[in-house]
Amino acid sequence: MSLETSIHSMLSTDTAIKGQVSDRVSPYIDDEGTEFPRIAYRVEADERVAGLIQNDSTRVATVQVDCIARSEADAATLSGDVEEALRGTTPTGYSGVVVIQDTAGDASPPFDGSRDPVYTRTVTTLVFYWES
């Protein structure tokens, strides 16, 4: 199972997140006119880390999760739930996940061509992991 698939599974099955976004969890931002709130995630970097004592197959990945909503409060709530779900969670098929950074970005309404603003909070997580 790929890390992306594992991240998707974690985000789409967490009770607090699912209660807000239903099945709107995807590795890309959908076209205009989609329902909110929603999550778009991506693995920005995924590299093998050589020379660590734990395991020769240790990897480090930078995972970004965009929490997108029609209100700043909804984006903030969703990003908090995402941080909580990712912190200390081991993706299915992997072991040894250590989250060493959690940051929620600023919420600001980007122009999306509609009268209703869209607010985004980005949670960036640096993860060390290895396949089990």
C-alpha atoms as a PDB file:
ATOM      1  CA  MET A   1       0.000   0.000   0.000  1.00  0.00           C
ATOM      2  CA  SER A   2       1.424   3.409  -0.932  1.00  0.00           C
ATOM      3  CA  LEU A   3       1.889   6.150   1.628  1.00  0.00           C
ATOM      4  CA  GLU A   4      -0.671   8.259  -0.269  1.00  0.00           C
ATOM      5  CA  THR A   5      -3.246   5.474   0.019  1.00  0.00           C
ATOM      6  CA  SER A   6      -2.503   5.113   3.728  1.00  0.00           C
ATOM      7  CA  ILE A   7      -2.885   8.876   4.288  1.00  0.00           C
ATOM      8  CA  HIS A   8      -6.201   8.811   2.394  1.00  0.00           C
ATOM      9  CA  SER A   9      -7.414   5.928   4.537  1.00  0.00           C
ATOM     10  CA  MET A  10      -6.468   7.706   7.784  1.00  0.00           C
ATOM     11  CA  LEU A  11      -8.176  10.949   6.768  1.00  0.00           C
ATOM     12  CA  SER A  12     -11.325   9.370   5.322  1.00  0.00           C
ATOM     13  CA  THR A  13     -12.003   6.999   8.235  1.00  0.00           C
ATOM     14  CA  ASP A  14     -11.356   9.340  11.181  1.00  0.00           C
ATOM     15  CA  THR A  15     -14.732   9.926  12.864  1.00  0.00           C
ATOM     16  CA  ALA A  16     -14.270  13.663  13.550  1.00  0.00           C
ATOM     17  CA  ILE A  17     -13.054  14.372  10.009  1.00  0.00           C
ATOM     18  CA  LYS A  18     -15.678  12.184   8.315  1.00  0.00           C
ATOM     19  CA  GLY A  19     -18.411  14.003  10.237  1.00  0.00           C
ATOM     20  CA  GLN A  20     -17.331  17.262   8.599  1.00  0.00           C
ATOM     21  CA  VAL A  21     -16.278  16.276   5.084  1.00  0.00           C
ATOM     22  CA  SER A  22     -18.141  13.006   4.458  1.00  0.00           C
ATOM     23  CA  ASP A  23     -16.290  11.463   1.487  1.00  0.00           C
ATOM     24  CA  ARG A  24     -14.724  14.714   0.228  1.00  0.00           C
ATOM     25  CA  VAL A  25     -11.088  13.643   0.752  1.00  0.00           C
ATOM     26  CA  SER A  26      -8.916  13.587  -2.359  1.00  0.00           C
ATOM     27  CA  PRO A  27      -5.312  13.978  -3.504  1.00  0.00           C
ATOM     28  CA  TYR A  28      -6.244  17.046  -5.564  1.00  0.00           C
ATOM     29  CA  ILE A  29      -8.525  20.062  -5.434  1.00  0.00           C
ATOM     30  CA  ASP A  30     -11.685  19.389  -7.415  1.00  0.00           C
ATOM     31  CA  ASP A  31     -13.211  21.694 -10.000  1.00  0.00           C
ATOM     32  CA  GLU A  32     -15.126  24.839  -9.093  1.00  0.00           C
ATOM     33  CA  GLY A  33     -18.560  24.342  -7.611  1.00  0.00           C
ATOM     34  CA  THR A  34     -17.764  21.415  -5.351  1.00  0.00           C
ATOM     35  CA  GLU A  35     -19.201  21.042  -1.856  1.00  0.00           C
ATOM     36  CA  PHE A  36     -17.375  22.231   1.244  1.00  0.00           C
ATOM     37  CA  PRO A  37     -15.740  21.573   3.614  1.00  0.00           C
ATOM     38  CA  ARG A  38     -13.268  19.232   1.950  1.00  0.00           C
ATOM     39  CA  ILE A  39      -9.696  17.961   2.212  1.00  0.00           C
ATOM     40  CA  ALA A  40      -7.002  17.861  -0.452  1.00  0.00           C
ATOM     41  CA  TYR A  41      -3.757  16.113   0.496  1.00  0.00           C
ATOM     42  CA  ARG A  42      -0.410  15.493  -1.140  1.00  0.00           C
ATOM     43  CA  VAL A  43       2.955  13.971  -0.375  1.00  0.00           C
ATOM     44  CA  GLU A  44       5.331  16.801  -1.262  1.00  0.00           C
ATOM     45  CA  ALA A  45       8.516  14.769  -0.829  1.00  0.00           C
ATOM     46  CA  ASP A  46       9.281  11.142  -0.058  1.00  0.00           C
ATOM     47  CA  GLU A  47      12.917  10.110   0.166  1.00  0.00           C
ATOM     48  CA  ARG A  48      14.979   7.258   1.525  1.00  0.00           C
ATOM     49  CA  VAL A  49      17.131   8.268   4.488  1.00  0.00           C
ATOM     50  CA  ALA A  50      20.460   6.447   4.392  1.00  0.00           C
ATOM     51  CA  GLY A  51      22.556   5.627   7.426  1.00  0.00           C
ATOM     52  CA  LEU A  52      19.966   5.671  10.178  1.00  0.00           C
ATOM     53  CA  ILE A  53      20.332   3.010  12.845  1.00  0.00           C
ATOM     54  CA  GLN A  54      16.667   1.983  12.959  1.00  0.00           C
ATOM     55  CA  ASN A  55      16.282   0.490   9.531  1.00  0.00           C
ATOM     56  CA  ASP A  56      17.916   0.751   6.086  1.00  0.00           C
ATOM     57  CA  SER A  57      14.494   1.282   4.513  1.00  0.00           C
ATOM     58  CA  THR A  58      13.670   4.359   6.617  1.00  0.00           C
ATOM     59  CA  ARG A  59      12.049   7.120   4.566  1.00  0.00           C
ATOM     60  CA  VAL A  60      11.043  10.686   5.283  1.00  0.00           C
ATOM     61  CA  ALA A  61       7.953  12.242   3.737  1.00  0.00           C
ATOM     62  CA  THR A  62       6.529  15.728   3.845  1.00  0.00           C
ATOM     63  CA  VAL A  63       2.732  15.498   3.834  1.00  0.00           C
ATOM     64  CA  GLN A  64       0.514  18.547   3.281  1.00  0.00           C
ATOM     65  CA  VAL A  65      -3.208  18.503   3.948  1.00  0.00           C
ATOM     66  CA  ASP A  66      -5.344  21.440   2.783  1.00  0.00           C
ATOM     67  CA  CYS A  67      -8.495  21.914   4.873  1.00  0.00           C
ATOM     68  CA  ILE A  68     -10.884  23.911   2.697  1.00  0.00           C
ATOM     69  CA  ALA A  69     -14.154  25.424   3.924  1.00  0.00           C
ATOM     70  CA  ARG A  70     -16.575  28.304   3.358  1.00  0.00           C
ATOM     71  CA  SER A  71     -15.830  29.830   6.782  1.00  0.00           C
ATOM     72  CA  GLU A  72     -12.626  30.488   8.675  1.00  0.00           C
ATOM     73  CA  ALA A  73     -14.054  28.750  11.755  1.00  0.00           C
ATOM     74  CA  ASP A  74     -14.842  25.579   9.775  1.00  0.00           C
ATOM     75  CA  ALA A  75     -11.350  25.546   8.220  1.00  0.00           C
ATOM     76  CA  ALA A  76      -9.778  25.975  11.674  1.00  0.00           C
ATOM     77  CA  THR A  77     -11.880  23.190  13.214  1.00  0.00           C
ATOM     78  CA  LEU A  78     -11.101  20.820  10.357  1.00  0.00           C
ATOM     79  CA  SER A  79      -7.357  21.549  10.466  1.00  0.00           C
ATOM     80  CA  GLY A  80      -7.320  20.873  14.207  1.00  0.00           C
ATOM     81  CA  ASP A  81      -9.012  17.518  13.654  1.00  0.00           C
ATOM     82  CA  VAL A  82      -6.552  16.681  10.856  1.00  0.00           C
ATOM     83  CA  GLU A  83      -3.565  17.494  13.097  1.00  0.00           C
ATOM     84  CA  GLU A  84      -4.991  15.298  15.849  1.00  0.00           C
ATOM     85  CA  ALA A  85      -5.660  12.421  13.434  1.00  0.00           C
ATOM     86  CA  LEU A  86      -2.142  12.521  11.963  1.00  0.00           C
ATOM     87  CA  ARG A  87      -0.258  12.954  15.231  1.00  0.00           C
ATOM     88  CA  GLY A  88       0.930   9.602  16.507  1.00  0.00           C
ATOM     89  CA  THR A  89      -0.967   7.584  13.912  1.00  0.00           C
ATOM     90  CA  THR A  90       0.669   4.772  11.991  1.00  0.00           C
ATOM     91  CA  PRO A  91      -0.506   4.477   8.379  1.00  0.00           C
ATOM     92  CA  THR A  92      -1.817   1.033   7.434  1.00  0.00           C
ATOM     93  CA  GLY A  93       1.030  -1.133   6.168  1.00  0.00           C
ATOM     94  CA  TYR A  94       3.761   0.921   7.827  1.00  0.00           C
ATOM     95  CA  SER A  95       5.432   1.001  11.194  1.00  0.00           C
ATOM     96  CA  GLY A  96       7.585   3.432  13.090  1.00  0.00           C
ATOM     97  CA  VAL A  97       5.885   6.648  12.081  1.00  0.00           C
ATOM     98  CA  VAL A  98       7.220   9.620  14.004  1.00  0.00           C
ATOM     99  CA  VAL A  99       5.624  13.017  13.432  1.00  0.00           C
ATOM    100  CA  ILE A 100       8.215  15.681  14.190  1.00  0.00           C
ATOM    101  CA  GLN A 101       6.455  18.797  12.925  1.00  0.00           C
ATOM    102  CA  ASP A 102       2.850  19.990  12.922  1.00  0.00           C
ATOM    103  CA  THR A 103       1.973  23.408  11.595  1.00  0.00           C
ATOM    104  CA  ALA A 104      -1.325  24.917  10.564  1.00  0.00           C
ATOM    105  CA  GLY A 105      -1.006  27.700   8.019  1.00  0.00           C
ATOM    106  CA  ASP A 106      -2.843  30.986   8.090  1.00  0.00           C
ATOM    107  CA  ALA A 107      -6.421  31.075   6.952  1.00  0.00           C
ATOM    108  CA  SER A 108      -7.031  33.524   4.170  1.00  0.00           C
ATOM    109  CA  PRO A 109      -9.825  33.692   1.614  1.00  0.00           C
ATOM    110  CA  PRO A 110      -8.387  33.227  -1.887  1.00  0.00           C
ATOM    111  CA  PHE A 111     -10.333  34.529  -4.864  1.00  0.00           C
ATOM    112  CA  ASP A 112     -12.194  31.645  -6.465  1.00  0.00           C
ATOM    113  CA  GLY A 113     -14.504  33.551  -8.780  1.00  0.00           C
ATOM    114  CA  SER A 114     -17.559  33.324  -6.547  1.00  0.00           C
ATOM    115  CA  ARG A 115     -19.223  35.597  -4.019  1.00  0.00           C
ATOM    116  CA  ASP A 116     -18.534  33.147  -1.206  1.00  0.00           C
ATOM    117  CA  PRO A 117     -14.936  33.094   0.016  1.00  0.00           C
ATOM    118  CA  VAL A 118     -13.060  29.831   0.407  1.00  0.00           C
ATOM    119  CA  TYR A 119     -10.806  29.537   3.462  1.00  0.00           C
ATOM    120  CA  THR A 120      -7.859  27.157   3.555  1.00  0.00           C
ATOM    121  CA  ARG A 121      -5.701  25.940   6.424  1.00  0.00           C
ATOM    122  CA  THR A 122      -2.737  23.794   5.449  1.00  0.00           C
ATOM    123  CA  VAL A 123      -1.360  21.225   7.876  1.00  0.00           C
ATOM    124  CA  THR A 124       2.226  20.229   7.060  1.00  0.00           C
ATOM    125  CA  THR A 125       3.611  17.109   8.697  1.00  0.00           C
ATOM    126  CA  LEU A 126       7.112  15.667   8.409  1.00  0.00           C
ATOM    127  CA  VAL A 127       6.975  11.875   8.845  1.00  0.00           C
ATOM    128  CA  PHE A 128       9.723   9.280   9.228  1.00  0.00           C
ATOM    129  CA  TYR A 129       8.453   5.795   8.380  1.00  0.00           C
ATOM    130  CA  TRP A 130       9.425   2.380   7.134  1.00  0.00           C
ATOM    131  CA  GLU A 131       7.479  -0.493   5.677  1.00  0.00           C
ATOM    132  CA  SER A 132       6.496  -3.184   8.149  1.00  0.00           C
END
